[in-house]
């Protein structure tokens, strides 16, 4: 029997269902991200994985990983995934330019930076923190019990990180982040805890760890992911 999943959702599902019950694989996956030393996943004693969670007016989260530590320390990682469709391309610089020019961009709500910023706004709201250009009035998580259960977990987080899984190659990501103008603008609009992980790095990880079922999903979606 073969099970296939389409595009970014299929890839996230395939990856998490393969590594989600193997703590060492999950830790190795998180280490692919250039997170600060303060989030040493080797010290985590438990993980929670939440896939395709609605956060109501704060958008859906493709993936949330909560790393639990001693003394009730919790690190919350939000992931938003984007792919290069077979009909086009996805360039990080272009997507950021569209985000900063929101009044002229019809696809603003599906923009990676906007989606990650919404998660930052939610966290600020939960923590009672106000930052310039961060708070949008009137947004609510609503009354759905499952949504509120997850929001409660998010609110218990002691630190929060925002990660884009993107089709851009690692060297292009580095060039984008090394641009001082981009770096300053990113911090102003999205905060400092914004990180990126390429699909190529994930596929290489799967090859290294011999995650055959996930590699089959990359093969099935060839030309659609990156």
N, C-alpha and C. Protein backbone atom coordinates (compact mmCIF):
# COMPACT_ATOMS: atom_id res chain seq x y z
N UNK A 1 0.84 -1.19 0.00
CA UNK A 1 0.00 0.00 0.00
C UNK A 1 0.88 1.25 0.00
N UNK A 2 0.50 2.24 -0.80
CA UNK A 2 1.20 3.51 -0.87
C UNK A 2 0.26 4.63 -0.44
N UNK A 3 0.77 5.55 0.35
CA UNK A 3 0.01 6.73 0.75
C UNK A 3 0.78 7.95 0.28
N UNK A 4 0.12 8.83 -0.47
CA UNK A 4 0.77 10.02 -1.00
C UNK A 4 0.13 11.28 -0.42
N UNK A 5 0.96 12.27 -0.17
CA UNK A 5 0.48 13.57 0.30
C UNK A 5 0.94 14.65 -0.64
N UNK A 6 0.11 15.67 -0.83
CA UNK A 6 0.38 16.70 -1.82
C UNK A 6 1.01 17.94 -1.22
N UNK A 7 2.03 18.44 -1.89
CA UNK A 7 2.65 19.74 -1.63
C UNK A 7 3.12 19.87 -0.18
N UNK A 8 3.14 21.13 0.36
CA UNK A 8 3.74 21.34 1.67
C UNK A 8 3.02 20.59 2.79
N UNK A 9 1.69 20.50 2.69
CA UNK A 9 0.96 19.79 3.75
C UNK A 9 1.30 18.30 3.74
N UNK A 10 1.37 17.73 2.56
CA UNK A 10 1.74 16.33 2.46
C UNK A 10 3.14 16.08 2.99
N UNK A 11 4.06 17.01 2.70
CA UNK A 11 5.43 16.85 3.16
C UNK A 11 5.54 16.97 4.67
N UNK A 12 4.87 17.96 5.25
CA UNK A 12 4.92 18.15 6.70
C UNK A 12 4.33 16.93 7.41
N UNK A 13 3.18 16.45 6.92
CA UNK A 13 2.56 15.27 7.52
C UNK A 13 3.48 14.05 7.45
N UNK A 14 4.03 13.83 6.27
CA UNK A 14 4.91 12.67 6.07
C UNK A 14 6.12 12.75 7.00
N UNK A 15 6.73 13.93 7.09
CA UNK A 15 7.92 14.10 7.90
C UNK A 15 7.63 13.92 9.38
N UNK A 16 6.58 14.57 9.87
CA UNK A 16 6.29 14.52 11.30
C UNK A 16 5.80 13.15 11.76
N UNK A 17 5.00 12.49 10.93
CA UNK A 17 4.54 11.16 11.32
C UNK A 17 5.68 10.15 11.29
N UNK A 18 6.74 10.47 10.53
CA UNK A 18 7.90 9.57 10.49
C UNK A 18 8.84 9.82 11.67
N UNK A 19 9.10 11.09 12.00
CA UNK A 19 10.09 11.37 13.04
C UNK A 19 9.46 11.76 14.38
N UNK A 20 8.15 11.97 14.40
CA UNK A 20 7.50 12.48 15.60
C UNK A 20 7.55 11.55 16.80
N UNK A 21 7.72 10.24 16.56
CA UNK A 21 7.79 9.30 17.66
C UNK A 21 9.22 8.85 17.94
N UNK A 22 10.16 9.49 17.30
CA UNK A 22 11.58 9.19 17.51
C UNK A 22 12.24 10.48 18.01
N UNK A 23 12.43 10.57 19.31
CA UNK A 23 12.92 11.82 19.91
C UNK A 23 14.26 12.25 19.34
N UNK A 24 15.14 11.31 19.09
CA UNK A 24 16.47 11.67 18.58
C UNK A 24 16.37 12.23 17.15
N UNK A 25 15.50 11.65 16.32
CA UNK A 25 15.30 12.18 14.98
C UNK A 25 14.69 13.58 15.03
N UNK A 26 13.74 13.78 15.93
CA UNK A 26 13.11 15.09 16.06
C UNK A 26 14.13 16.14 16.50
N UNK A 27 14.96 15.78 17.44
CA UNK A 27 16.01 16.70 17.89
C UNK A 27 16.96 17.03 16.74
N UNK A 28 17.33 16.03 15.97
CA UNK A 28 18.22 16.25 14.83
C UNK A 28 17.58 17.16 13.79
N UNK A 29 16.27 17.01 13.60
CA UNK A 29 15.55 17.89 12.67
C UNK A 29 15.58 19.33 13.15
N UNK A 30 15.29 19.55 14.43
CA UNK A 30 15.28 20.91 14.97
C UNK A 30 16.67 21.54 14.88
N UNK A 31 17.70 20.73 15.00
CA UNK A 31 19.08 21.24 14.92
C UNK A 31 19.43 21.74 13.53
N UNK A 32 18.61 21.41 12.52
CA UNK A 32 18.86 21.94 11.18
C UNK A 32 18.67 23.45 11.14
N UNK A 33 17.88 23.97 12.07
CA UNK A 33 17.58 25.41 12.12
C UNK A 33 18.68 26.11 12.91
N UNK A 34 19.10 27.26 12.45
CA UNK A 34 20.17 28.01 13.12
C UNK A 34 19.60 28.79 14.30
N UNK A 35 19.07 28.06 15.27
CA UNK A 35 18.48 28.68 16.45
C UNK A 35 19.59 29.09 17.43
N UNK A 36 19.29 30.03 18.33
CA UNK A 36 20.31 30.44 19.31
C UNK A 36 20.66 29.31 20.27
N UNK A 37 21.81 29.42 20.92
CA UNK A 37 22.28 28.38 21.82
C UNK A 37 21.36 28.20 23.02
N UNK A 38 20.53 29.19 23.30
CA UNK A 38 19.63 29.12 24.45
C UNK A 38 18.57 28.03 24.28
N UNK A 39 18.34 27.57 23.05
CA UNK A 39 17.39 26.49 22.82
C UNK A 39 18.16 25.22 22.46
N UNK A 40 18.73 24.59 23.46
CA UNK A 40 19.46 23.35 23.27
C UNK A 40 18.48 22.19 23.41
N UNK A 41 18.06 21.62 22.28
CA UNK A 41 17.04 20.59 22.32
C UNK A 41 17.51 19.32 23.02
N UNK A 42 18.82 19.15 23.18
CA UNK A 42 19.31 17.97 23.89
C UNK A 42 18.85 17.98 25.34
N UNK A 43 18.58 19.17 25.87
CA UNK A 43 18.14 19.28 27.26
C UNK A 43 16.63 19.11 27.42
N UNK A 44 15.90 19.08 26.32
CA UNK A 44 14.44 18.93 26.40
C UNK A 44 14.09 17.52 26.87
N UNK A 45 13.04 17.41 27.70
CA UNK A 45 12.65 16.10 28.20
C UNK A 45 11.34 15.59 27.60
N UNK A 46 10.72 16.42 26.76
CA UNK A 46 9.47 15.99 26.14
C UNK A 46 9.13 16.96 25.01
N UNK A 47 8.43 16.47 23.99
CA UNK A 47 8.03 17.31 22.87
C UNK A 47 6.54 17.13 22.58
N UNK A 48 5.93 18.18 22.09
CA UNK A 48 4.57 18.12 21.59
C UNK A 48 4.58 18.63 20.15
N UNK A 49 3.90 17.92 19.26
CA UNK A 49 3.84 18.29 17.85
C UNK A 49 2.39 18.53 17.47
N UNK A 50 2.12 19.69 16.91
CA UNK A 50 0.76 20.05 16.51
C UNK A 50 0.79 20.43 15.03
N UNK A 51 -0.01 19.74 14.22
CA UNK A 51 0.02 19.93 12.77
C UNK A 51 -1.27 20.58 12.29
N UNK A 52 -1.14 21.56 11.39
CA UNK A 52 -2.29 22.20 10.74
C UNK A 52 -3.31 22.72 11.74
N UNK A 53 -2.80 23.43 12.75
CA UNK A 53 -3.68 23.94 13.80
C UNK A 53 -4.26 25.30 13.41
N UNK A 54 -5.57 25.42 13.48
CA UNK A 54 -6.20 26.73 13.31
C UNK A 54 -5.94 27.57 14.56
N UNK A 55 -5.60 28.84 14.35
CA UNK A 55 -5.49 29.81 15.43
C UNK A 55 -6.48 30.94 15.19
N UNK A 56 -7.57 30.58 14.55
CA UNK A 56 -8.68 31.49 14.27
C UNK A 56 -8.19 32.70 13.47
N UNK A 57 -8.42 33.91 13.97
CA UNK A 57 -8.07 35.12 13.21
C UNK A 57 -6.56 35.37 13.13
N UNK A 58 -5.80 34.52 13.78
CA UNK A 58 -4.34 34.61 13.68
C UNK A 58 -3.79 33.60 12.67
N UNK A 59 -4.67 33.02 11.87
CA UNK A 59 -4.26 32.11 10.80
C UNK A 59 -4.02 30.70 11.28
N UNK A 60 -3.76 29.82 10.33
CA UNK A 60 -3.41 28.44 10.65
C UNK A 60 -1.89 28.34 10.82
N UNK A 61 -1.46 27.36 11.59
CA UNK A 61 -0.03 27.08 11.73
C UNK A 61 0.25 25.73 11.06
N UNK A 62 1.11 25.71 10.07
CA UNK A 62 1.44 24.44 9.41
C UNK A 62 1.98 23.43 10.41
N UNK A 63 2.79 23.93 11.34
CA UNK A 63 3.40 23.04 12.33
C UNK A 63 3.79 23.85 13.56
N UNK A 64 3.52 23.28 14.72
CA UNK A 64 4.00 23.85 15.98
C UNK A 64 4.70 22.73 16.74
N UNK A 65 5.92 22.99 17.16
CA UNK A 65 6.65 22.05 18.02
C UNK A 65 6.91 22.74 19.35
N UNK A 66 6.51 22.09 20.43
CA UNK A 66 6.75 22.63 21.77
C UNK A 66 7.76 21.73 22.46
N UNK A 67 8.89 22.30 22.81
CA UNK A 67 9.94 21.57 23.53
C UNK A 67 9.82 21.89 25.02
N UNK A 68 9.63 20.86 25.82
CA UNK A 68 9.46 21.02 27.26
C UNK A 68 10.76 20.71 27.99
N UNK A 69 11.11 21.57 28.94
CA UNK A 69 12.33 21.44 29.71
C UNK A 69 11.99 21.37 31.20
N UNK A 70 13.02 21.20 32.00
CA UNK A 70 12.83 21.21 33.45
C UNK A 70 12.36 22.60 33.90
N UNK A 71 11.79 22.66 35.10
CA UNK A 71 11.34 23.93 35.69
C UNK A 71 10.28 24.63 34.85
N UNK A 72 9.45 23.84 34.14
CA UNK A 72 8.34 24.38 33.35
C UNK A 72 8.79 25.32 32.23
N UNK A 73 10.03 25.17 31.79
CA UNK A 73 10.53 25.96 30.66
C UNK A 73 9.98 25.33 29.37
N UNK A 74 9.38 26.15 28.51
CA UNK A 74 8.80 25.66 27.26
C UNK A 74 9.22 26.55 26.11
N UNK A 75 9.78 25.93 25.07
CA UNK A 75 10.14 26.65 23.85
C UNK A 75 9.12 26.29 22.77
N UNK A 76 8.48 27.30 22.20
CA UNK A 76 7.45 27.08 21.19
C UNK A 76 8.00 27.48 19.83
N UNK A 77 7.98 26.55 18.88
CA UNK A 77 8.46 26.80 17.52
C UNK A 77 7.28 26.78 16.55
N UNK A 78 7.03 27.92 15.91
CA UNK A 78 6.01 28.01 14.87
C UNK A 78 6.68 27.79 13.51
N UNK A 79 6.08 26.95 12.68
CA UNK A 79 6.59 26.72 11.33
C UNK A 79 5.52 27.09 10.30
N UNK A 80 5.92 27.84 9.28
CA UNK A 80 5.08 28.07 8.11
C UNK A 80 5.85 27.57 6.90
N UNK A 81 5.20 26.76 6.07
CA UNK A 81 5.88 26.15 4.93
C UNK A 81 5.37 26.72 3.61
N UNK A 82 6.30 27.00 2.72
CA UNK A 82 5.97 27.46 1.37
C UNK A 82 6.73 26.60 0.36
N UNK A 83 6.16 26.44 -0.82
CA UNK A 83 6.81 25.64 -1.85
C UNK A 83 6.89 26.41 -3.17
N UNK A 84 7.76 25.94 -4.03
CA UNK A 84 7.83 26.43 -5.40
C UNK A 84 6.85 25.61 -6.21
N UNK A 85 5.77 26.21 -6.64
CA UNK A 85 4.80 25.45 -7.41
C UNK A 85 5.38 25.08 -8.77
N UNK A 86 4.81 24.06 -9.38
CA UNK A 86 5.30 23.62 -10.69
C UNK A 86 5.07 24.67 -11.76
N UNK A 87 4.19 25.65 -11.46
CA UNK A 87 3.89 26.70 -12.44
C UNK A 87 4.74 27.96 -12.25
N UNK A 88 5.49 28.03 -11.16
CA UNK A 88 6.21 29.27 -10.92
C UNK A 88 7.42 29.09 -10.03
N UNK A 89 7.73 30.11 -9.23
CA UNK A 89 8.90 30.08 -8.37
C UNK A 89 8.58 30.82 -7.09
N UNK A 90 9.47 30.73 -6.12
CA UNK A 90 9.30 31.39 -4.83
C UNK A 90 10.65 31.93 -4.41
N UNK A 91 10.75 33.25 -4.34
CA UNK A 91 12.02 33.91 -4.03
C UNK A 91 11.84 34.71 -2.75
N UNK A 92 12.68 34.47 -1.76
CA UNK A 92 12.51 35.08 -0.45
C UNK A 92 12.51 36.61 -0.51
N UNK A 93 13.41 37.18 -1.31
CA UNK A 93 13.47 38.63 -1.41
C UNK A 93 12.20 39.23 -1.99
N UNK A 94 11.65 38.57 -3.01
CA UNK A 94 10.40 39.04 -3.63
C UNK A 94 9.24 38.95 -2.65
N UNK A 95 9.19 37.86 -1.89
CA UNK A 95 8.10 37.68 -0.93
C UNK A 95 8.17 38.72 0.18
N UNK A 96 9.38 39.05 0.62
CA UNK A 96 9.53 40.06 1.66
C UNK A 96 9.15 41.44 1.12
N UNK A 97 9.52 41.72 -0.13
CA UNK A 97 9.15 43.00 -0.74
C UNK A 97 7.63 43.14 -0.83
N UNK A 98 6.94 42.05 -1.17
CA UNK A 98 5.48 42.08 -1.23
C UNK A 98 4.89 42.33 0.16
N UNK A 99 5.50 41.72 1.17
CA UNK A 99 5.04 41.89 2.54
C UNK A 99 5.16 43.35 3.00
N UNK A 100 6.26 43.99 2.65
CA UNK A 100 6.48 45.36 3.08
C UNK A 100 5.69 46.36 2.24
N UNK A 101 5.07 45.89 1.16
CA UNK A 101 4.28 46.76 0.28
C UNK A 101 2.84 46.25 0.28
N UNK A 102 2.28 46.03 1.49
CA UNK A 102 1.04 45.29 1.63
C UNK A 102 -0.14 45.91 0.89
N UNK A 103 -0.17 47.23 0.75
CA UNK A 103 -1.31 47.87 0.12
C UNK A 103 -1.47 47.53 -1.35
N UNK A 104 -0.41 46.98 -1.97
CA UNK A 104 -0.46 46.71 -3.40
C UNK A 104 -0.41 45.20 -3.71
N UNK A 105 -0.53 44.38 -2.67
CA UNK A 105 -0.36 42.95 -2.86
C UNK A 105 -1.63 42.20 -2.49
N UNK A 106 -2.32 41.65 -3.50
CA UNK A 106 -3.59 40.96 -3.26
C UNK A 106 -3.43 39.68 -2.46
N UNK A 107 -2.27 39.04 -2.57
CA UNK A 107 -2.06 37.78 -1.88
C UNK A 107 -1.43 37.94 -0.51
N UNK A 108 -1.63 39.08 0.11
CA UNK A 108 -0.97 39.42 1.37
C UNK A 108 -1.23 38.39 2.46
N UNK A 109 -2.47 37.92 2.60
CA UNK A 109 -2.82 37.02 3.70
C UNK A 109 -2.09 35.68 3.60
N UNK A 110 -1.66 35.28 2.41
CA UNK A 110 -0.95 34.01 2.25
C UNK A 110 0.57 34.20 2.26
N UNK A 111 1.01 35.42 2.49
CA UNK A 111 2.43 35.73 2.48
C UNK A 111 3.12 35.13 3.72
N UNK A 112 4.27 34.49 3.52
CA UNK A 112 5.00 33.84 4.61
C UNK A 112 5.26 34.80 5.77
N UNK A 113 5.74 35.99 5.47
CA UNK A 113 6.11 36.93 6.52
C UNK A 113 4.88 37.43 7.28
N UNK A 114 3.80 37.61 6.57
CA UNK A 114 2.56 38.02 7.21
C UNK A 114 2.06 36.91 8.14
N UNK A 115 2.10 35.67 7.68
CA UNK A 115 1.63 34.56 8.49
C UNK A 115 2.47 34.38 9.75
N UNK A 116 3.79 34.52 9.63
CA UNK A 116 4.64 34.42 10.81
C UNK A 116 4.43 35.62 11.73
N UNK A 117 4.21 36.78 11.16
CA UNK A 117 3.96 37.98 11.97
C UNK A 117 2.68 37.82 12.78
N UNK A 118 1.65 37.19 12.19
CA UNK A 118 0.41 36.96 12.91
C UNK A 118 0.65 36.12 14.16
N UNK A 119 1.55 35.14 14.07
CA UNK A 119 1.85 34.32 15.24
C UNK A 119 2.56 35.15 16.29
N UNK A 120 3.40 36.07 15.86
CA UNK A 120 4.07 36.98 16.78
C UNK A 120 3.05 37.89 17.46
N UNK A 121 2.07 38.36 16.70
CA UNK A 121 1.02 39.20 17.27
C UNK A 121 0.23 38.43 18.32
N UNK A 122 -0.07 37.16 18.02
CA UNK A 122 -0.80 36.32 18.98
C UNK A 122 -0.02 36.18 20.28
N UNK A 123 1.27 35.88 20.17
CA UNK A 123 2.09 35.71 21.36
C UNK A 123 2.13 37.01 22.16
N UNK A 124 2.30 38.14 21.47
CA UNK A 124 2.31 39.43 22.17
C UNK A 124 1.01 39.65 22.91
N UNK A 125 -0.09 39.30 22.27
CA UNK A 125 -1.40 39.47 22.89
C UNK A 125 -1.52 38.61 24.15
N UNK A 126 -1.05 37.38 24.07
CA UNK A 126 -1.10 36.48 25.22
C UNK A 126 -0.21 36.95 26.36
N UNK A 127 0.91 37.57 26.01
CA UNK A 127 1.87 38.01 27.02
C UNK A 127 1.61 39.44 27.48
N UNK A 128 0.67 40.11 26.83
CA UNK A 128 0.40 41.50 27.20
C UNK A 128 1.50 42.45 26.80
N UNK A 129 2.20 42.12 25.73
CA UNK A 129 3.32 42.93 25.25
C UNK A 129 2.87 43.75 24.05
N UNK A 130 3.24 45.00 24.04
CA UNK A 130 2.95 45.86 22.89
C UNK A 130 4.26 46.29 22.26
N UNK A 131 4.35 46.10 20.96
CA UNK A 131 5.53 46.52 20.21
C UNK A 131 5.09 47.33 19.01
N UNK A 132 5.87 48.32 18.59
CA UNK A 132 5.50 49.11 17.40
C UNK A 132 5.30 48.22 16.19
N UNK A 133 4.27 48.50 15.42
CA UNK A 133 3.98 47.80 14.16
C UNK A 133 3.64 46.33 14.36
N UNK A 134 3.30 45.92 15.58
CA UNK A 134 3.04 44.51 15.84
C UNK A 134 1.56 44.23 16.12
N UNK A 135 0.89 45.13 16.83
CA UNK A 135 -0.45 44.83 17.30
C UNK A 135 -1.50 45.31 16.32
N UNK A 136 -2.35 44.39 15.90
CA UNK A 136 -3.49 44.73 15.07
C UNK A 136 -4.74 44.56 15.91
N UNK A 137 -5.52 45.63 16.06
CA UNK A 137 -6.67 45.61 16.94
C UNK A 137 -7.76 44.67 16.43
N UNK A 138 -8.49 44.10 17.38
CA UNK A 138 -9.70 43.37 17.04
C UNK A 138 -9.55 41.91 16.71
N UNK A 139 -8.32 41.38 16.64
CA UNK A 139 -8.15 39.97 16.32
C UNK A 139 -8.42 39.12 17.56
N UNK A 140 -9.04 37.97 17.34
CA UNK A 140 -9.43 37.11 18.45
C UNK A 140 -9.22 35.65 18.08
N UNK A 141 -9.01 34.80 19.10
CA UNK A 141 -8.90 33.37 18.87
C UNK A 141 -10.28 32.71 18.89
N UNK A 142 -11.31 33.46 19.23
CA UNK A 142 -12.67 32.92 19.22
C UNK A 142 -12.93 31.97 20.38
N UNK A 143 -13.94 31.12 20.24
CA UNK A 143 -14.40 30.28 21.35
C UNK A 143 -14.24 28.78 21.09
N UNK A 144 -13.67 28.41 19.96
CA UNK A 144 -13.48 26.99 19.67
C UNK A 144 -12.58 26.36 20.73
N UNK A 145 -13.06 25.26 21.33
CA UNK A 145 -12.35 24.65 22.46
C UNK A 145 -10.99 24.10 22.07
N UNK A 146 -10.89 23.52 20.88
CA UNK A 146 -9.60 22.95 20.45
C UNK A 146 -8.60 24.06 20.16
N UNK A 147 -9.07 25.13 19.51
CA UNK A 147 -8.20 26.28 19.25
C UNK A 147 -7.69 26.84 20.57
N UNK A 148 -8.58 27.03 21.52
CA UNK A 148 -8.19 27.61 22.80
C UNK A 148 -7.27 26.70 23.61
N UNK A 149 -7.43 25.38 23.43
CA UNK A 149 -6.53 24.44 24.10
C UNK A 149 -5.09 24.64 23.62
N UNK A 150 -4.94 24.80 22.30
CA UNK A 150 -3.61 25.03 21.74
C UNK A 150 -3.08 26.40 22.11
N UNK A 151 -3.94 27.41 22.07
CA UNK A 151 -3.53 28.77 22.43
C UNK A 151 -3.03 28.81 23.88
N UNK A 152 -3.67 28.03 24.74
CA UNK A 152 -3.22 27.96 26.14
C UNK A 152 -1.81 27.39 26.22
N UNK A 153 -1.54 26.35 25.42
CA UNK A 153 -0.19 25.78 25.38
C UNK A 153 0.82 26.82 24.90
N UNK A 154 0.43 27.58 23.86
CA UNK A 154 1.31 28.62 23.32
C UNK A 154 1.60 29.67 24.38
N UNK A 155 0.56 30.06 25.10
CA UNK A 155 0.72 31.08 26.14
C UNK A 155 1.62 30.64 27.27
N UNK A 156 1.73 29.32 27.50
CA UNK A 156 2.59 28.80 28.55
C UNK A 156 4.06 28.82 28.13
N UNK A 157 4.32 29.08 26.85
CA UNK A 157 5.69 29.09 26.36
C UNK A 157 6.51 30.19 27.01
N UNK A 158 7.75 29.86 27.36
CA UNK A 158 8.64 30.86 27.94
C UNK A 158 9.42 31.62 26.87
N UNK A 159 9.52 31.04 25.68
CA UNK A 159 10.10 31.74 24.54
C UNK A 159 9.50 31.16 23.26
N UNK A 160 9.46 31.98 22.22
CA UNK A 160 8.77 31.60 20.98
C UNK A 160 9.67 31.94 19.79
N UNK A 161 9.65 31.04 18.79
CA UNK A 161 10.48 31.20 17.61
C UNK A 161 9.62 30.98 16.37
N UNK A 162 10.01 31.63 15.26
CA UNK A 162 9.17 31.66 14.07
C UNK A 162 10.03 31.22 12.87
N UNK A 163 9.66 30.10 12.26
CA UNK A 163 10.50 29.49 11.23
C UNK A 163 9.75 29.33 9.92
N UNK A 164 10.34 29.79 8.86
CA UNK A 164 9.81 29.59 7.52
C UNK A 164 10.52 28.43 6.85
N UNK A 165 9.77 27.42 6.44
CA UNK A 165 10.33 26.33 5.62
C UNK A 165 10.09 26.71 4.17
N UNK A 166 11.15 26.94 3.42
CA UNK A 166 10.99 27.59 2.12
C UNK A 166 11.80 26.90 1.02
N UNK A 167 11.40 27.13 -0.25
CA UNK A 167 12.10 26.50 -1.38
C UNK A 167 13.39 27.21 -1.77
N UNK A 168 13.66 28.36 -1.18
CA UNK A 168 14.89 29.10 -1.47
C UNK A 168 16.11 28.30 -1.02
N UNK A 169 17.17 28.32 -1.80
CA UNK A 169 18.38 27.60 -1.47
C UNK A 169 19.13 28.29 -0.32
N UNK A 170 19.96 27.52 0.39
CA UNK A 170 20.64 28.03 1.58
C UNK A 170 21.50 29.26 1.29
N UNK A 171 22.20 29.27 0.15
CA UNK A 171 23.06 30.41 -0.15
C UNK A 171 22.25 31.68 -0.41
N UNK A 172 21.05 31.52 -0.98
CA UNK A 172 20.18 32.67 -1.21
C UNK A 172 19.58 33.17 0.09
N UNK A 173 19.27 32.26 1.00
CA UNK A 173 18.78 32.66 2.32
C UNK A 173 19.85 33.46 3.04
N UNK A 174 21.09 32.98 3.00
CA UNK A 174 22.19 33.67 3.66
C UNK A 174 22.40 35.06 3.07
N UNK A 175 22.34 35.17 1.75
CA UNK A 175 22.52 36.47 1.10
C UNK A 175 21.42 37.43 1.51
N UNK A 176 20.21 36.93 1.60
CA UNK A 176 19.07 37.76 2.03
C UNK A 176 19.26 38.25 3.45
N UNK A 177 19.67 37.36 4.35
CA UNK A 177 19.83 37.73 5.76
C UNK A 177 21.07 38.58 5.99
N UNK A 178 22.08 38.44 5.14
CA UNK A 178 23.30 39.23 5.29
C UNK A 178 23.11 40.68 4.84
N UNK A 179 22.03 40.93 4.10
CA UNK A 179 21.73 42.29 3.66
C UNK A 179 21.27 43.11 4.87
N UNK A 180 22.03 44.12 5.24
CA UNK A 180 21.75 44.88 6.46
C UNK A 180 20.38 45.56 6.42
N UNK A 181 19.95 46.00 5.24
CA UNK A 181 18.64 46.63 5.10
C UNK A 181 17.53 45.62 5.37
N UNK A 182 17.67 44.43 4.83
CA UNK A 182 16.69 43.37 5.07
C UNK A 182 16.64 43.01 6.55
N UNK A 183 17.81 42.86 7.16
CA UNK A 183 17.89 42.47 8.57
C UNK A 183 17.19 43.48 9.47
N UNK A 184 17.43 44.75 9.23
CA UNK A 184 16.81 45.80 10.04
C UNK A 184 15.30 45.80 9.85
N UNK A 185 14.87 45.70 8.61
CA UNK A 185 13.44 45.72 8.32
C UNK A 185 12.74 44.49 8.89
N UNK A 186 13.39 43.34 8.81
CA UNK A 186 12.83 42.11 9.38
C UNK A 186 12.61 42.25 10.87
N UNK A 187 13.60 42.79 11.57
CA UNK A 187 13.49 42.95 13.01
C UNK A 187 12.39 43.93 13.38
N UNK A 188 12.25 44.99 12.60
CA UNK A 188 11.23 45.99 12.88
C UNK A 188 9.83 45.43 12.69
N UNK A 189 9.64 44.64 11.64
CA UNK A 189 8.30 44.20 11.26
C UNK A 189 7.93 42.82 11.80
N UNK A 190 8.91 41.97 12.03
CA UNK A 190 8.62 40.58 12.43
C UNK A 190 9.29 40.16 13.73
N UNK A 191 10.10 41.03 14.31
CA UNK A 191 10.82 40.65 15.52
C UNK A 191 12.14 39.96 15.20
N UNK A 192 12.89 39.62 16.24
CA UNK A 192 14.23 39.08 16.06
C UNK A 192 14.27 37.56 15.93
N UNK A 193 13.24 36.86 16.37
CA UNK A 193 13.29 35.41 16.43
C UNK A 193 12.68 34.77 15.18
N UNK A 194 13.15 35.23 14.03
CA UNK A 194 12.67 34.73 12.74
C UNK A 194 13.79 33.96 12.06
N UNK A 195 13.50 32.73 11.63
CA UNK A 195 14.52 31.85 11.06
C UNK A 195 13.98 31.16 9.82
N UNK A 196 14.89 30.60 9.03
CA UNK A 196 14.48 29.95 7.78
C UNK A 196 15.18 28.60 7.64
N UNK A 197 14.46 27.67 7.02
CA UNK A 197 14.99 26.34 6.76
C UNK A 197 14.59 25.94 5.35
N UNK A 198 15.55 25.52 4.55
CA UNK A 198 15.25 25.18 3.16
C UNK A 198 14.73 23.75 3.04
N UNK A 199 13.86 23.54 2.06
CA UNK A 199 13.40 22.18 1.75
C UNK A 199 14.56 21.30 1.33
N UNK A 200 15.54 21.90 0.66
CA UNK A 200 16.72 21.14 0.24
C UNK A 200 17.44 20.56 1.46
N UNK A 201 17.58 21.36 2.50
CA UNK A 201 18.24 20.89 3.72
C UNK A 201 17.43 19.76 4.36
N UNK A 202 16.10 19.86 4.28
CA UNK A 202 15.25 18.80 4.84
C UNK A 202 15.39 17.52 4.04
N UNK A 203 15.42 17.63 2.71
CA UNK A 203 15.58 16.43 1.89
C UNK A 203 16.94 15.79 2.14
N UNK A 204 17.99 16.61 2.26
CA UNK A 204 19.32 16.07 2.56
C UNK A 204 19.32 15.36 3.91
N UNK A 205 18.61 15.93 4.88
CA UNK A 205 18.46 15.32 6.19
C UNK A 205 17.80 13.94 6.07
N UNK A 206 16.75 13.87 5.27
CA UNK A 206 16.02 12.61 5.07
C UNK A 206 16.91 11.57 4.40
N UNK A 207 17.73 12.02 3.46
CA UNK A 207 18.66 11.09 2.81
C UNK A 207 19.69 10.58 3.81
N UNK A 208 20.21 11.48 4.63
CA UNK A 208 21.22 11.12 5.62
C UNK A 208 20.67 10.14 6.65
N UNK A 209 19.40 10.34 7.03
CA UNK A 209 18.79 9.49 8.05
C UNK A 209 18.03 8.29 7.44
N UNK A 210 18.09 8.19 6.11
CA UNK A 210 17.44 7.08 5.40
C UNK A 210 15.93 7.00 5.70
N UNK A 211 15.27 8.16 5.62
CA UNK A 211 13.83 8.23 5.86
C UNK A 211 13.12 8.00 4.54
N UNK A 212 13.02 6.74 4.15
CA UNK A 212 12.60 6.38 2.81
C UNK A 212 11.18 6.86 2.48
N UNK A 213 10.28 6.74 3.43
CA UNK A 213 8.89 7.13 3.14
C UNK A 213 8.77 8.63 2.88
N UNK A 214 9.56 9.43 3.59
CA UNK A 214 9.54 10.87 3.35
C UNK A 214 10.18 11.18 2.00
N UNK A 215 11.25 10.47 1.67
CA UNK A 215 11.90 10.66 0.37
C UNK A 215 10.95 10.31 -0.77
N UNK A 216 10.09 9.32 -0.54
CA UNK A 216 9.09 8.98 -1.56
C UNK A 216 8.12 10.13 -1.78
N UNK A 217 7.83 10.90 -0.71
CA UNK A 217 6.95 12.07 -0.85
C UNK A 217 7.65 13.18 -1.63
N UNK A 218 8.96 13.34 -1.40
CA UNK A 218 9.71 14.31 -2.20
C UNK A 218 9.68 13.90 -3.68
N UNK A 219 9.82 12.61 -3.93
CA UNK A 219 9.80 12.13 -5.30
C UNK A 219 8.42 12.35 -5.94
N UNK A 220 7.37 12.03 -5.20
CA UNK A 220 6.00 12.20 -5.69
C UNK A 220 5.73 13.67 -6.03
N UNK A 221 6.25 14.58 -5.20
CA UNK A 221 6.02 16.02 -5.39
C UNK A 221 7.15 16.72 -6.14
N UNK A 222 7.95 15.95 -6.85
CA UNK A 222 9.10 16.52 -7.55
C UNK A 222 8.68 17.66 -8.48
N UNK A 223 9.37 18.80 -8.35
CA UNK A 223 9.02 19.98 -9.14
C UNK A 223 8.02 20.89 -8.46
N UNK A 224 7.45 20.42 -7.35
CA UNK A 224 6.42 21.17 -6.64
C UNK A 224 6.96 21.77 -5.33
N UNK A 225 8.06 21.25 -4.82
CA UNK A 225 8.54 21.65 -3.50
C UNK A 225 9.64 22.72 -3.58
N UNK A 226 10.71 22.43 -4.33
CA UNK A 226 11.77 23.43 -4.49
C UNK A 226 12.50 23.22 -5.80
